[in-house]
Amino acid sequence: MEEAARQYVRKVSGFSAPAAHNREVFDEAVREITDATERLMHGLEIR
């Protein structure tokens, strides 16, 4: 899930690798999206 989040942040930001001054905000976005995706996947009910 983290790799999918990283790919999403790369696509949305337009950067494949952030500059040093953007690394913190880039990595935080990846963590937040990973967490949200994990909550989604654990919360889904399959019928």
PDB file of N, CA and C in Angstrom:
ATOM      1  N   MET A   1       0.813  -1.184   0.000  1.00  0.00           N
ATOM      2  CA  MET A   1       0.000   0.000   0.000  1.00  0.00           C
ATOM      3  C   MET A   1       0.863   1.257   0.000  1.00  0.00           C
ATOM      4  N   GLU A   2       2.016   1.168   0.659  1.00  0.00           N
ATOM      5  CA  GLU A   2       2.886   2.333   0.685  1.00  0.00           C
ATOM      6  C   GLU A   2       3.398   2.668  -0.710  1.00  0.00           C
ATOM      7  N   GLU A   3       3.722   1.657  -1.487  1.00  0.00           N
ATOM      8  CA  GLU A   3       4.206   1.922  -2.852  1.00  0.00           C
ATOM      9  C   GLU A   3       3.110   2.544  -3.711  1.00  0.00           C
ATOM     10  N   ALA A   4       1.870   2.099  -3.522  1.00  0.00           N
ATOM     11  CA  ALA A   4       0.758   2.698  -4.264  1.00  0.00           C
ATOM     12  C   ALA A   4       0.577   4.153  -3.845  1.00  0.00           C
ATOM     13  N   ALA A   5       0.697   4.424  -2.550  1.00  0.00           N
ATOM     14  CA  ALA A   5       0.587   5.796  -2.054  1.00  0.00           C
ATOM     15  C   ALA A   5       1.715   6.658  -2.618  1.00  0.00           C
ATOM     16  N   ARG A   6       2.919   6.112  -2.640  1.00  0.00           N
ATOM     17  CA  ARG A   6       4.072   6.848  -3.171  1.00  0.00           C
ATOM     18  C   ARG A   6       3.853   7.172  -4.658  1.00  0.00           C
ATOM     19  N   GLN A   7       3.333   6.206  -5.402  1.00  0.00           N
ATOM     20  CA  GLN A   7       3.070   6.428  -6.825  1.00  0.00           C
ATOM     21  C   GLN A   7       2.021   7.529  -7.002  1.00  0.00           C
ATOM     22  N   TYR A   8       0.983   7.498  -6.167  1.00  0.00           N
ATOM     23  CA  TYR A   8      -0.056   8.527  -6.225  1.00  0.00           C
ATOM     24  C   TYR A   8       0.541   9.918  -5.958  1.00  0.00           C
ATOM     25  N   VAL A   9       1.343  10.036  -4.899  1.00  0.00           N
ATOM     26  CA  VAL A   9       1.936  11.330  -4.551  1.00  0.00           C
ATOM     27  C   VAL A   9       2.866  11.803  -5.666  1.00  0.00           C
ATOM     28  N   ARG A  10       3.609  10.896  -6.255  1.00  0.00           N
ATOM     29  CA  ARG A  10       4.469  11.275  -7.384  1.00  0.00           C
ATOM     30  C   ARG A  10       3.647  11.829  -8.531  1.00  0.00           C
ATOM     31  N   LYS A  11       2.558  11.139  -8.857  1.00  0.00           N
ATOM     32  CA  LYS A  11       1.726  11.555  -9.988  1.00  0.00           C
ATOM     33  C   LYS A  11       1.071  12.907  -9.717  1.00  0.00           C
ATOM     34  N   VAL A  12       0.507  13.068  -8.526  1.00  0.00           N
ATOM     35  CA  VAL A  12      -0.197  14.311  -8.204  1.00  0.00           C
ATOM     36  C   VAL A  12       0.767  15.490  -8.101  1.00  0.00           C
ATOM     37  N   SER A  13       1.941  15.253  -7.492  1.00  0.00           N
ATOM     38  CA  SER A  13       2.898  16.347  -7.300  1.00  0.00           C
ATOM     39  C   SER A  13       3.680  16.674  -8.570  1.00  0.00           C
ATOM     40  N   GLY A  14       3.794  15.688  -9.460  1.00  0.00           N
ATOM     41  CA  GLY A  14       4.574  15.898 -10.667  1.00  0.00           C
ATOM     42  C   GLY A  14       6.058  15.633 -10.480  1.00  0.00           C
ATOM     43  N   PHE A  15       6.432  15.141  -9.300  1.00  0.00           N
ATOM     44  CA  PHE A  15       7.833  14.848  -8.995  1.00  0.00           C
ATOM     45  C   PHE A  15       8.032  13.363  -8.790  1.00  0.00           C
ATOM     46  N   SER A  16       8.980  12.776  -9.488  1.00  0.00           N
ATOM     47  CA  SER A  16       9.268  11.362  -9.263  1.00  0.00           C
ATOM     48  C   SER A  16      10.136  11.191  -8.022  1.00  0.00           C
ATOM     49  N   ALA A  17      10.925  12.189  -7.717  1.00  0.00           N
ATOM     50  CA  ALA A  17      11.736  12.207  -6.500  1.00  0.00           C
ATOM     51  C   ALA A  17      11.766  13.654  -6.015  1.00  0.00           C
ATOM     52  N   PRO A  18      11.280  13.916  -4.819  1.00  0.00           N
ATOM     53  CA  PRO A  18      11.224  15.301  -4.355  1.00  0.00           C
ATOM     54  C   PRO A  18      12.611  15.847  -4.030  1.00  0.00           C
ATOM     55  N   ALA A  19      12.756  17.139  -4.182  1.00  0.00           N
ATOM     56  CA  ALA A  19      13.988  17.813  -3.765  1.00  0.00           C
ATOM     57  C   ALA A  19      14.091  17.734  -2.248  1.00  0.00           C
ATOM     58  N   ALA A  20      15.281  17.912  -1.737  1.00  0.00           N
ATOM     59  CA  ALA A  20      15.510  17.800  -0.292  1.00  0.00           C
ATOM     60  C   ALA A  20      14.567  18.701   0.513  1.00  0.00           C
ATOM     61  N   HIS A  21      14.300  19.901   0.018  1.00  0.00           N
ATOM     62  CA  HIS A  21      13.440  20.826   0.766  1.00  0.00           C
ATOM     63  C   HIS A  21      11.957  20.434   0.718  1.00  0.00           C
ATOM     64  N   ASN A  22      11.587  19.480  -0.129  1.00  0.00           N
ATOM     65  CA  ASN A  22      10.207  18.994  -0.201  1.00  0.00           C
ATOM     66  C   ASN A  22      10.051  17.581   0.356  1.00  0.00           C
ATOM     67  N   ARG A  23      11.129  16.975   0.773  1.00  0.00           N
ATOM     68  CA  ARG A  23      11.102  15.570   1.211  1.00  0.00           C
ATOM     69  C   ARG A  23      10.125  15.338   2.372  1.00  0.00           C
ATOM     70  N   GLU A  24      10.145  16.204   3.369  1.00  0.00           N
ATOM     71  CA  GLU A  24       9.307  15.995   4.552  1.00  0.00           C
ATOM     72  C   GLU A  24       7.816  16.003   4.199  1.00  0.00           C
ATOM     73  N   VAL A  25       7.381  16.978   3.426  1.00  0.00           N
ATOM     74  CA  VAL A  25       5.965  17.062   3.077  1.00  0.00           C
ATOM     75  C   VAL A  25       5.569  15.915   2.134  1.00  0.00           C
ATOM     76  N   PHE A  26       6.462  15.525   1.258  1.00  0.00           N
ATOM     77  CA  PHE A  26       6.230  14.398   0.349  1.00  0.00           C
ATOM     78  C   PHE A  26       6.045  13.108   1.148  1.00  0.00           C
ATOM     79  N   ASP A  27       6.978  12.848   2.078  1.00  0.00           N
ATOM     80  CA  ASP A  27       6.903  11.633   2.884  1.00  0.00           C
ATOM     81  C   ASP A  27       5.682  11.619   3.796  1.00  0.00           C
ATOM     82  N   GLU A  28       5.309  12.777   4.328  1.00  0.00           N
ATOM     83  CA  GLU A  28       4.113  12.857   5.179  1.00  0.00           C
ATOM     84  C   GLU A  28       2.859  12.536   4.367  1.00  0.00           C
ATOM     85  N   ALA A  29       2.788  13.025   3.148  1.00  0.00           N
ATOM     86  CA  ALA A  29       1.645  12.716   2.289  1.00  0.00           C
ATOM     87  C   ALA A  29       1.570  11.216   2.015  1.00  0.00           C
ATOM     88  N   VAL A  30       2.711  10.592   1.768  1.00  0.00           N
ATOM     89  CA  VAL A  30       2.742   9.144   1.537  1.00  0.00           C
ATOM     90  C   VAL A  30       2.226   8.408   2.771  1.00  0.00           C
ATOM     91  N   ARG A  31       2.663   8.815   3.967  1.00  0.00           N
ATOM     92  CA  ARG A  31       2.201   8.160   5.208  1.00  0.00           C
ATOM     93  C   ARG A  31       0.701   8.324   5.391  1.00  0.00           C
ATOM     94  N   GLU A  32       0.197   9.526   5.169  1.00  0.00           N
ATOM     95  CA  GLU A  32      -1.230   9.781   5.359  1.00  0.00           C
ATOM     96  C   GLU A  32      -2.075   8.981   4.374  1.00  0.00           C
ATOM     97  N   ILE A  33      -1.656   8.913   3.141  1.00  0.00           N
ATOM     98  CA  ILE A  33      -2.403   8.158   2.131  1.00  0.00           C
ATOM     99  C   ILE A  33      -2.319   6.669   2.415  1.00  0.00           C
ATOM    100  N   THR A  34      -1.158   6.195   2.856  1.00  0.00           N
ATOM    101  CA  THR A  34      -1.021   4.786   3.232  1.00  0.00           C
ATOM    102  C   THR A  34      -1.978   4.454   4.370  1.00  0.00           C
ATOM    103  N   ASP A  35      -2.016   5.293   5.397  1.00  0.00           N
ATOM    104  CA  ASP A  35      -2.905   5.066   6.535  1.00  0.00           C
ATOM    105  C   ASP A  35      -4.372   5.060   6.106  1.00  0.00           C
ATOM    106  N   ALA A  36      -4.749   6.016   5.270  1.00  0.00           N
ATOM    107  CA  ALA A  36      -6.132   6.091   4.805  1.00  0.00           C
ATOM    108  C   ALA A  36      -6.502   4.860   3.985  1.00  0.00           C
ATOM    109  N   THR A  37      -5.581   4.399   3.164  1.00  0.00           N
ATOM    110  CA  THR A  37      -5.832   3.213   2.345  1.00  0.00           C
ATOM    111  C   THR A  37      -5.978   1.978   3.220  1.00  0.00           C
ATOM    112  N   GLU A  38      -5.142   1.864   4.244  1.00  0.00           N
ATOM    113  CA  GLU A  38      -5.248   0.724   5.156  1.00  0.00           C
ATOM    114  C   GLU A  38      -6.581   0.737   5.893  1.00  0.00           C
ATOM    115  N   ARG A  39      -7.031   1.917   6.345  1.00  0.00           N
ATOM    116  CA  ARG A  39      -8.344   2.009   7.003  1.00  0.00           C
ATOM    117  C   ARG A  39      -9.457   1.599   6.053  1.00  0.00           C
ATOM    118  N   LEU A  40      -9.368   2.044   4.817  1.00  0.00           N
ATOM    119  CA  LEU A  40     -10.363   1.677   3.815  1.00  0.00           C
ATOM    120  C   LEU A  40     -10.414   0.168   3.615  1.00  0.00           C
ATOM    121  N   MET A  41      -9.262  -0.428   3.394  1.00  0.00           N
ATOM    122  CA  MET A  41      -9.207  -1.857   3.100  1.00  0.00           C
ATOM    123  C   MET A  41      -9.687  -2.697   4.284  1.00  0.00           C
ATOM    124  N   HIS A  42      -9.366  -2.266   5.498  1.00  0.00           N
ATOM    125  CA  HIS A  42      -9.797  -3.011   6.679  1.00  0.00           C
ATOM    126  C   HIS A  42     -11.280  -2.789   6.989  1.00  0.00           C
ATOM    127  N   GLY A  43     -11.832  -1.676   6.521  1.00  0.00           N
ATOM    128  CA  GLY A  43     -13.221  -1.356   6.799  1.00  0.00           C
ATOM    129  C   GLY A  43     -14.211  -1.886   5.786  1.00  0.00           C
ATOM    130  N   LEU A  44     -13.742  -2.288   4.628  1.00  0.00           N
ATOM    131  CA  LEU A  44     -14.649  -2.793   3.588  1.00  0.00           C
ATOM    132  C   LEU A  44     -15.265  -4.121   3.987  1.00  0.00           C
ATOM    133  N   GLU A  45     -16.514  -4.284   3.710  1.00  0.00           N
ATOM    134  CA  GLU A  45     -17.190  -5.557   3.927  1.00  0.00           C
ATOM    135  C   GLU A  45     -17.429  -6.211   2.575  1.00  0.00           C
ATOM    136  N   ILE A  46     -16.975  -7.407   2.430  1.00  0.00           N
ATOM    137  CA  ILE A  46     -17.174  -8.167   1.188  1.00  0.00           C
ATOM    138  C   ILE A  46     -18.353  -9.111   1.403  1.00  0.00           C
ATOM    139  N   ARG A  47     -19.332  -9.011   0.542  1.00  0.00           N
ATOM    140  CA  ARG A  47     -20.527  -9.855   0.682  1.00  0.00           C
ATOM    141  C   ARG A  47     -20.631 -10.808  -0.477  1.00  0.00           C
TER     142      ARG A  47
END
